[in-house]
Protein backbone atom coordinates (compact mmCIF):
# COMPACT_ATOMS: atom_id res chain seq x y z
CA MET A 1 0.71 63.37 20.83
CA ARG A 2 -0.64 59.98 21.63
CA HIS A 3 2.04 57.42 22.82
CA PRO A 4 1.75 53.87 21.42
CA ARG A 5 0.65 51.37 24.00
CA SER A 6 3.36 49.28 25.71
CA PRO A 7 3.59 45.48 24.56
CA TRP A 8 3.87 44.84 28.31
CA LEU A 9 0.26 45.59 28.51
CA PHE A 10 -1.05 42.91 26.07
CA VAL A 11 1.87 40.45 24.92
CA PRO A 12 1.88 38.43 28.18
CA SER A 13 -1.89 38.21 28.39
CA LEU A 14 -2.30 37.38 24.76
CA TYR A 15 0.18 34.29 24.93
CA PHE A 16 -1.17 33.14 28.09
CA GLN A 17 -4.45 33.01 26.45
CA GLN A 18 -2.88 31.29 23.44
CA GLY A 19 -1.54 28.64 25.80
CA LEU A 20 -4.48 27.86 27.93
CA PRO A 21 -6.96 26.44 25.44
CA VAL A 22 -4.10 24.33 23.78
CA ILE A 23 -3.04 22.81 27.05
CA LEU A 24 -6.46 22.32 28.48
CA VAL A 25 -7.55 20.42 24.99
CA GLN A 26 -4.38 18.23 24.82
CA GLN A 27 -3.28 17.72 28.41
CA PHE A 28 -5.82 18.77 30.96
CA SER A 29 -8.56 16.86 29.40
CA VAL A 30 -6.55 13.73 29.73
CA LEU A 31 -6.61 13.96 33.50
CA LEU A 32 -10.11 15.09 33.58
CA TYR A 33 -11.49 11.94 31.61
CA LYS A 34 -9.21 9.76 33.93
CA LYS A 35 -10.82 10.94 37.08
CA LEU A 36 -14.42 10.54 35.29
CA GLY A 37 -13.85 6.99 34.64
CA VAL A 38 -12.90 6.85 31.07
CA SER A 39 -10.62 4.06 29.87
CA ASN A 40 -7.05 4.82 29.14
CA GLU A 41 -7.28 3.63 25.40
CA GLN A 42 -10.49 5.87 24.94
CA ILE A 43 -8.97 8.82 26.48
CA ALA A 44 -5.68 8.69 24.41
CA PHE A 45 -7.57 8.07 21.04
CA TRP A 46 -10.12 10.61 21.44
CA THR A 47 -8.13 13.47 23.00
CA SER A 48 -5.50 12.99 20.45
CA LEU A 49 -8.02 13.31 17.64
CA LEU A 50 -8.84 16.74 19.09
CA ALA A 51 -5.61 17.90 17.60
CA TRP A 52 -6.99 17.97 14.00
CA PRO A 53 -7.70 21.74 14.00
CA TRP A 54 -3.95 22.50 14.59
CA VAL A 55 -3.08 20.02 11.96
CA LEU A 56 -5.39 21.68 9.34
CA LYS A 57 -5.32 25.36 10.42
CA MET A 58 -2.90 26.31 7.46
CA LEU A 59 -5.81 25.53 5.19
CA TRP A 60 -8.16 28.30 6.48
CA GLY A 61 -5.39 30.75 7.39
CA PRO A 62 -5.75 32.91 4.29
CA LEU A 63 -9.36 33.67 5.40
CA VAL A 64 -7.91 35.65 8.47
CA ASP A 65 -6.00 37.77 6.21
CA LEU A 66 -8.59 38.38 3.62
CA THR A 67 -11.83 39.11 5.68
CA ALA A 68 -11.18 41.34 8.84
CA PRO A 69 -8.53 43.04 10.82
CA LYS A 70 -6.41 40.54 12.85
CA ARG A 71 -7.40 42.34 16.09
CA SER A 72 -11.06 41.59 15.35
CA TRP A 73 -10.22 38.04 14.71
CA VAL A 74 -8.30 37.60 18.07
CA LEU A 75 -11.11 39.22 20.23
CA ALA A 76 -13.76 37.18 18.35
CA MET A 77 -12.05 34.00 19.15
CA GLN A 78 -11.32 34.75 22.75
CA LEU A 79 -15.03 35.51 23.18
CA GLY A 80 -15.97 32.14 21.60
CA ILE A 81 -13.38 30.21 23.68
CA ALA A 82 -14.51 31.79 26.90
CA ALA A 83 -18.23 31.00 26.15
CA CYS A 84 -17.11 27.27 25.33
CA LEU A 85 -15.08 26.98 28.41
CA LEU A 86 -18.07 28.05 30.44
CA ALA A 87 -20.18 25.58 28.66
CA LEU A 88 -17.39 22.94 29.15
CA GLY A 89 -17.52 23.48 32.93
CA PHE A 90 -21.25 22.61 33.15
CA ALA A 91 -21.00 19.76 30.80
CA VAL A 92 -18.60 17.97 32.91
CA SER A 93 -21.26 16.88 35.44
CA SER A 94 -23.77 16.03 32.65
CA SER A 95 -24.99 12.46 32.41
CA VAL A 96 -23.92 12.63 28.80
CA PHE A 97 -20.55 14.42 29.59
CA TRP A 98 -18.48 12.10 27.30
CA PRO A 99 -19.95 13.12 23.84
CA LEU A 100 -20.81 16.60 25.00
CA THR A 101 -17.45 17.47 26.48
CA LEU A 102 -15.69 16.19 23.38
CA ALA A 103 -17.61 18.30 20.95
CA LEU A 104 -16.86 21.27 23.18
CA LEU A 105 -13.16 20.49 23.28
CA LEU A 106 -13.22 20.10 19.55
CA VAL A 107 -14.92 23.57 18.99
CA ILE A 108 -12.44 25.14 21.40
CA ALA A 109 -9.56 23.48 19.43
CA PHE A 110 -11.04 24.98 16.18
CA LEU A 111 -11.29 28.50 17.66
CA SER A 112 -7.89 28.26 19.35
CA ALA A 113 -6.04 27.17 16.12
CA THR A 114 -7.81 30.18 14.33
CA HIS A 115 -6.84 32.49 17.35
CA ASP A 116 -3.32 31.33 16.78
CA ILE A 117 -3.21 32.36 13.07
CA ALA A 118 -4.65 35.80 13.90
CA LEU A 119 -2.27 36.28 16.89
CA ASP A 120 0.88 35.46 14.93
CA GLY A 121 -0.22 38.07 12.33
CA TYR A 122 -1.42 40.60 14.96
CA TYR A 123 1.98 40.30 16.88
CA ILE A 124 3.87 41.52 13.63
CA VAL A 125 1.61 44.46 12.95
CA ALA A 126 1.07 45.58 16.59
CA LEU A 127 4.65 45.54 17.63
CA PRO A 128 7.50 47.77 16.34
CA ILE A 129 10.17 45.68 14.54
CA GLU A 130 12.68 46.58 17.14
CA LYS A 131 10.69 45.14 19.89
CA GLN A 132 9.46 41.86 18.20
CA ALA A 133 12.66 39.74 18.99
CA PHE A 134 12.63 40.79 22.74
CA PHE A 135 9.02 39.99 23.29
CA LEU A 136 9.33 36.58 21.72
CA GLY A 137 10.86 35.43 25.03
CA ILE A 138 7.98 37.05 26.85
CA SER A 139 5.49 35.28 24.75
CA ASN A 140 7.26 32.02 25.40
CA ALA A 141 7.28 32.50 29.05
CA SER A 142 3.48 33.47 28.99
CA PHE A 143 2.65 30.34 27.10
CA ARG A 144 4.71 28.21 29.63
CA LEU A 145 2.68 29.95 32.29
CA ALA A 146 -0.49 28.62 30.91
CA MET A 147 1.08 25.24 31.07
CA VAL A 148 1.44 25.88 34.91
CA PHE A 149 -2.06 27.05 35.08
CA CYS A 150 -3.72 24.17 33.40
CA THR A 151 -1.71 21.12 34.42
CA GLY A 152 -0.78 22.57 37.74
CA ALA A 153 -3.22 25.04 39.26
CA LEU A 154 -6.39 23.69 37.71
CA VAL A 155 -5.60 20.27 38.59
CA VAL A 156 -4.67 21.11 42.21
CA VAL A 157 -7.87 22.88 42.59
CA ALA A 158 -9.88 19.94 41.60
CA GLY A 159 -7.71 17.75 43.85
CA LEU A 160 -8.21 19.96 46.91
CA LEU A 161 -11.97 19.99 46.46
CA GLU A 162 -11.78 16.20 46.03
CA ARG A 163 -10.11 16.03 49.51
CA ARG A 164 -12.67 18.31 51.03
CA GLY A 165 -15.37 15.72 50.04
CA PHE A 166 -16.80 17.25 46.78
CA ALA A 167 -17.79 14.51 44.15
CA VAL A 168 -15.23 14.04 41.38
CA ALA A 169 -17.37 15.65 38.74
CA ALA A 170 -18.30 18.65 40.76
CA SER A 171 -14.46 19.05 41.69
CA TRP A 172 -13.51 19.17 38.08
CA ARG A 173 -16.50 21.39 37.13
CA TRP A 174 -15.47 23.91 39.47
CA ALA A 175 -11.75 23.72 38.30
CA VAL A 176 -12.92 24.21 34.69
CA LEU A 177 -15.19 27.14 35.61
CA PHE A 178 -12.28 28.85 37.47
CA GLY A 179 -10.32 28.51 34.20
CA ALA A 180 -13.28 29.81 32.12
CA PHE A 181 -13.50 32.82 34.65
CA VAL A 182 -9.74 33.69 34.25
CA TYR A 183 -9.81 33.36 30.49
CA GLY A 184 -13.02 35.43 30.25
CA ALA A 185 -11.63 38.19 32.48
CA LEU A 186 -8.53 38.30 30.24
CA ALA A 187 -10.66 38.44 27.10
CA VAL A 188 -12.47 41.41 28.58
CA TYR A 189 -9.10 43.02 29.39
CA ALA A 190 -7.95 42.50 25.70
CA THR A 191 -10.79 44.65 24.41
CA TRP A 192 -9.04 47.62 26.09
CA ALA A 193 -5.39 46.43 26.12
CA LEU A 194 -4.91 45.48 22.40
CA PRO A 195 -4.01 48.50 20.42
CA LYS A 196 -5.30 49.27 16.88
CA SER A 197 -2.75 49.29 14.21
CA PRO A 198 -3.08 51.11 10.96
CA ARG A 199 -1.30 48.17 9.41
CA ASP A 200 -3.74 45.68 10.68
CA ARG A 201 -6.18 45.77 7.64
CA PRO A 202 -7.65 42.75 5.66
CA THR A 203 -6.33 42.05 2.21
CA ALA A 204 -8.18 44.25 -0.38
CA ARG A 205 -8.08 41.68 -3.08
CA VAL A 206 -6.67 38.35 -3.90
CA GLU A 207 -3.60 38.52 -6.18
CA PRO A 208 -4.04 37.34 -9.73
CA HIS A 209 -1.73 34.43 -9.32
CA ALA A 210 -2.50 33.65 -5.71
CA ALA A 211 -4.11 30.18 -6.44
CA SER A 212 -1.13 28.88 -8.29
CA SER A 213 1.30 30.38 -5.75
CA TYR A 214 -0.79 28.59 -2.96
CA VAL A 215 -0.34 25.16 -4.87
CA GLU A 216 3.34 25.91 -5.71
CA ALA A 217 4.08 26.50 -1.89
CA PHE A 218 2.85 23.05 -1.16
CA THR A 219 4.42 21.27 -4.18
CA SER A 220 7.72 23.05 -3.64
CA PHE A 221 8.03 21.79 -0.06
CA PHE A 222 7.34 18.15 -0.96
CA SER A 223 9.67 18.22 -4.10
CA GLN A 224 12.65 19.70 -2.36
CA ARG A 225 15.83 17.40 -1.87
CA ARG A 226 15.27 14.38 0.21
CA ALA A 227 11.79 15.50 1.12
CA PHE A 228 10.76 12.19 2.18
CA ALA A 229 13.55 12.02 4.92
CA ILE A 230 12.53 15.66 6.06
CA VAL A 231 8.94 14.68 6.35
CA ALA A 232 9.55 11.44 7.96
CA PHE A 233 12.07 13.20 10.50
CA ILE A 234 9.45 15.77 11.38
CA LEU A 235 6.69 13.16 11.91
CA VAL A 236 8.74 10.66 14.04
CA TYR A 237 11.37 12.56 15.90
CA ARG A 238 8.93 13.32 18.85
CA PHE A 239 6.94 10.11 18.52
CA GLY A 240 8.14 8.60 21.64
CA GLU A 241 8.06 11.78 23.82
CA SER A 242 4.52 12.63 22.48
CA MET A 243 3.42 9.12 23.86
CA VAL A 244 4.96 9.91 27.27
CA THR A 245 3.25 13.28 27.18
CA LYS A 246 -0.10 11.77 26.58
CA MET A 247 0.19 8.83 29.15
CA SER A 248 2.36 10.17 32.08
CA GLY A 249 -0.64 11.70 33.80
CA LEU A 250 -2.55 8.43 33.55
CA PHE A 251 0.44 6.67 34.90
CA PHE A 252 0.47 8.63 37.92
CA LEU A 253 -3.14 8.36 38.47
CA ASP A 254 -3.64 4.60 37.85
CA SER A 255 -3.75 2.51 40.90
CA PRO A 256 -0.76 0.10 41.65
CA ALA A 257 -2.91 -2.76 40.70
CA ALA A 258 -3.45 -1.27 37.21
CA GLY A 259 0.48 -0.68 36.89
CA GLY A 260 0.20 2.89 37.95
CA LEU A 261 1.78 4.77 40.75
CA GLY A 262 -1.56 5.59 42.72
CA PHE A 263 -1.00 9.22 43.08
CA ASP A 264 -3.91 11.55 43.93
CA THR A 265 -4.97 14.45 41.95
CA VAL A 266 -3.15 17.02 44.01
CA GLN A 267 0.18 15.13 43.79
CA THR A 268 -0.31 14.63 40.07
CA GLY A 269 -1.00 18.42 39.50
CA ALA A 270 2.00 19.31 41.55
CA VAL A 271 4.46 17.12 39.65
CA LEU A 272 3.31 17.75 36.13
CA GLY A 273 2.51 21.46 36.58
CA THR A 274 5.40 22.68 38.53
CA CYS A 275 8.90 21.07 38.41
CA GLY A 276 8.02 19.76 34.89
CA VAL A 277 7.34 22.87 33.33
CA ALA A 278 10.15 24.73 35.04
CA ALA A 279 12.60 22.13 33.99
CA LEU A 280 11.10 22.34 30.31
CA VAL A 281 11.75 26.08 30.32
CA ILE A 282 15.23 25.76 31.62
CA GLY A 283 16.04 23.03 29.05
CA GLY A 284 14.84 24.95 26.31
CA ILE A 285 16.86 28.11 27.17
CA SER A 286 19.87 25.83 27.46
CA GLY A 287 19.42 24.10 24.23
CA GLY A 288 18.89 27.22 22.56
CA VAL A 289 22.21 28.51 23.91
CA ALA A 290 23.86 25.43 22.83
CA VAL A 291 22.77 25.60 19.41
CA ALA A 292 23.74 29.23 19.11
CA ARG A 293 27.23 28.34 20.42
CA PHE A 294 27.96 25.17 18.60
CA GLY A 295 25.50 25.13 15.59
CA VAL A 296 22.77 22.78 14.35
CA ARG A 297 25.11 20.17 12.68
CA ALA A 298 27.04 19.69 15.84
CA CYS A 299 24.14 19.58 18.07
CA LEU A 300 21.56 17.28 16.27
CA TRP A 301 23.05 13.95 17.46
CA PRO A 302 23.95 14.73 21.05
CA MET A 303 20.62 16.44 21.38
CA ALA A 304 18.69 13.55 20.01
CA VAL A 305 20.35 11.20 22.47
CA ALA A 306 19.95 13.64 25.41
CA MET A 307 16.17 14.02 24.49
CA HIS A 308 15.27 10.20 24.33
CA ALA A 309 17.51 8.67 26.94
CA PRO A 310 15.50 9.85 29.99
CA ASN A 311 12.61 7.66 28.80
CA LEU A 312 14.50 4.81 30.27
CA MET A 313 13.77 6.31 33.73
CA TYR A 314 9.96 5.68 33.10
CA VAL A 315 10.82 1.95 32.35
CA TRP A 316 12.48 1.87 35.84
CA ALA A 317 9.65 3.67 37.37
CA ALA A 318 6.99 1.37 35.95
CA SER A 319 8.99 -1.48 37.49
CA ALA A 320 9.96 0.12 40.92
CA ARG A 321 6.90 2.09 41.61
CA PRO A 322 8.59 4.95 43.44
CA GLY A 323 6.86 7.62 45.54
CA PRO A 324 6.37 11.37 44.55
CA SER A 325 9.88 12.66 45.55
CA SER A 326 11.59 10.28 43.02
CA MET A 327 9.01 11.15 40.23
CA TYR A 328 9.57 14.85 40.81
CA LEU A 329 13.14 14.17 39.79
CA ILE A 330 12.31 11.83 36.98
CA VAL A 331 9.76 14.33 35.44
CA ALA A 332 12.35 17.13 36.03
CA VAL A 333 15.13 15.51 34.22
CA ASP A 334 12.85 14.12 31.52
CA GLN A 335 11.49 17.71 30.83
CA PHE A 336 14.70 19.33 30.89
CA ALA A 337 16.21 16.89 28.48
CA TYR A 338 13.05 17.17 26.29
CA GLY A 339 13.35 21.15 26.04
CA PHE A 340 17.27 20.64 25.70
CA GLY A 341 16.95 18.22 22.93
CA LEU A 342 14.00 19.83 21.14
CA ALA A 343 16.13 23.03 20.28
CA SER A 344 18.09 21.58 17.26
CA TYR A 345 15.06 19.93 15.96
CA MET A 346 13.18 23.24 15.97
CA VAL A 347 16.02 25.14 14.71
CA TYR A 348 16.60 22.77 11.85
CA THR A 349 13.05 22.84 10.53
CA MET A 350 13.24 26.58 10.63
CA LEU A 351 16.48 26.63 8.54
CA ILE A 352 14.98 24.24 5.86
CA CYS A 353 12.13 26.59 5.46
CA GLN A 354 14.37 29.55 4.94
CA ARG A 355 15.60 28.13 1.62
CA SER A 356 12.29 28.79 -0.11
CA ARG A 357 10.51 31.93 -1.16
CA PHE A 358 7.40 30.36 0.54
CA GLN A 359 9.01 30.49 3.96
CA ALA A 360 5.63 31.09 6.03
CA SER A 361 3.81 28.66 4.08
CA HIS A 362 6.69 26.02 4.27
CA TYR A 363 6.77 26.53 8.22
CA ALA A 364 3.02 26.16 8.34
CA ILE A 365 3.50 22.77 6.68
CA VAL A 366 6.16 21.94 9.17
CA THR A 367 4.20 22.83 12.20
CA ALA A 368 1.04 20.76 10.74
CA LEU A 369 3.39 17.77 10.39
CA MET A 370 4.57 18.31 13.93
CA ALA A 371 0.92 18.23 15.17
CA LEU A 372 0.11 15.26 13.10
CA GLY A 373 2.97 13.26 14.37
CA ALA A 374 2.05 13.96 17.96
CA MET A 375 -1.68 13.25 17.21
CA LEU A 376 -0.80 9.86 15.82
CA ALA A 377 1.63 9.00 18.72
CA GLY A 378 -1.16 9.93 21.22
CA MET A 379 -3.72 7.74 19.49
CA LEU A 380 -1.43 4.73 19.46
CA SER A 381 -0.35 5.30 23.02
CA GLY A 382 -3.58 4.42 24.67
CA TYR A 383 -3.79 1.19 22.64
CA LEU A 384 -0.44 -0.04 23.44
CA GLN A 385 -0.51 0.77 27.18
CA SER A 386 -3.98 -0.92 27.49
CA HIS A 387 -2.65 -3.97 25.72
CA LEU A 388 0.90 -4.24 27.07
CA GLY A 389 0.68 -2.57 30.52
CA TYR A 390 2.85 0.39 31.68
CA PHE A 391 6.18 -1.39 31.96
CA LYS A 392 6.11 -2.85 28.32
CA PHE A 393 4.54 0.41 27.10
CA PHE A 394 7.54 2.39 28.31
CA VAL A 395 9.76 -0.08 26.75
CA ALA A 396 7.96 0.50 23.45
CA VAL A 397 8.30 4.17 23.97
CA CYS A 398 12.05 3.86 23.98
CA ALA A 399 11.87 1.78 20.72
CA CYS A 400 9.72 4.45 19.13
CA THR A 401 12.57 7.01 19.72
CA LEU A 402 14.83 5.12 17.37
CA PRO A 403 13.54 5.92 13.91
CA GLY A 404 14.02 9.63 14.40
CA MET A 405 17.56 9.08 15.19
CA PHE A 406 18.05 6.56 12.34
CA LEU A 407 16.79 9.39 9.92
CA LEU A 408 19.41 11.75 11.13
CA PRO A 409 22.30 10.76 8.58
CA TRP A 410 19.61 11.08 5.70
CA LEU A 411 18.82 14.73 6.34
CA PRO A 412 19.90 17.24 3.87
CA MET A 413 22.55 19.65 5.68
CA GLY A 414 23.93 21.47 2.64
CA ALA A 415 21.91 24.58 3.40
CA VAL A 416 22.13 24.48 7.11
CA PRO A 417 24.79 26.65 8.50
CA GLY A 418 27.05 25.29 11.28
CA GLY A 419 26.49 28.21 13.84
CA GLU A 420 23.23 29.79 12.95
CA ALA A 421 20.46 29.49 15.37
CA ARG A 422 18.41 32.76 15.00
CA GLY A 423 14.74 32.30 15.92
CA ALA A 424 15.27 29.33 18.19
CA GLU A 425 13.54 31.12 20.97
CA ALA A 426 10.68 32.12 18.61
CA LEU A 427 9.93 28.61 18.09
CA GLU A 428 9.61 27.39 21.54
CA CYS A 429 6.00 28.12 21.79
CA GLU A 430 5.33 26.02 18.62
CA ALA A 431 7.03 22.97 20.31
CA SER A 432 4.52 23.29 23.38
CA ALA A 433 1.60 22.15 21.25
């Protein structure tokens, strides 16, 4: 009798592969373009626009269910991403790198968003129900490992090559090609490791009332009680933090004359990709434990304050211009607080979706709104920093955290239990993007 394949053979690699293109498009590209001489305003605006596929992915999600097994979709998207990463590496040193790399990153974003849809469905059909909850933690850790790899290892590789005398474009080309090799090797491995499931079948036909149900799923979300407050809260709660995420690497790399810290590439990769990610993971776990213990109602206010208060440290850093050791501490505290404070936000959005019979559709809308808010924040951040300088920019970041907290009293809490936090860990991967 053939034994089912252990999830340990494919879950960690799959969710590492889910995280790699997301982080590469949204965070690694910012540092890449900075080193290639693109202005901060252009970097923030255009790399933020690359988030559109993750905003709109719910619109083509049904096609994944209707047309082919989810395993086939996963493998096809991985092949496409690997090919695009390889092309991206060579495009970095092209004379027309700016439009060419942006186009490739947009394609990677579209393939990655589609891969997310297929992978979420494949996870459900490939794993036994009794193992799904346990491996949510494993998938989250694997996604975080991709953050370490992209913003840490790949950036450090580029920095070490720069120190050895390689040209900047050549250094970053080899870093991207190394990432493409790792991703491609995992894609080849996935063709063997991913088990076929008898439950992994395309939908045979569209239900007679599917179109009306599709419309109802959207209208029911936006017609619920205090929908305006819910939508506004989802959009703006992470606005300030999203601005910091977009600009922190540029702050490290910019020269003191430009208001930055003047770190080199290796120092920047070490700060962002090691202590920052580790603190984020620990903060997320701690936040999940706190919500499970005290409930969403009790945690929303203190976690909102905990999440946003560390932004004041960046105001101090922009004034004092500390060295790497101080920034290790600042980034660690900020990322721990971000992970900790995000827990109540994520669990609250999950719980409001559970009130509807369209739970999956409503949460797809929620994650799209999250991505939209982060995209708008990123687009605005470059403009503000370029016109205000880093000190006033970080002051503006602190001001942008206030609307999300002002909305807390307006949120409908009637259907939110005081102590339920089920699924908090499952939502951590969504929070990374």
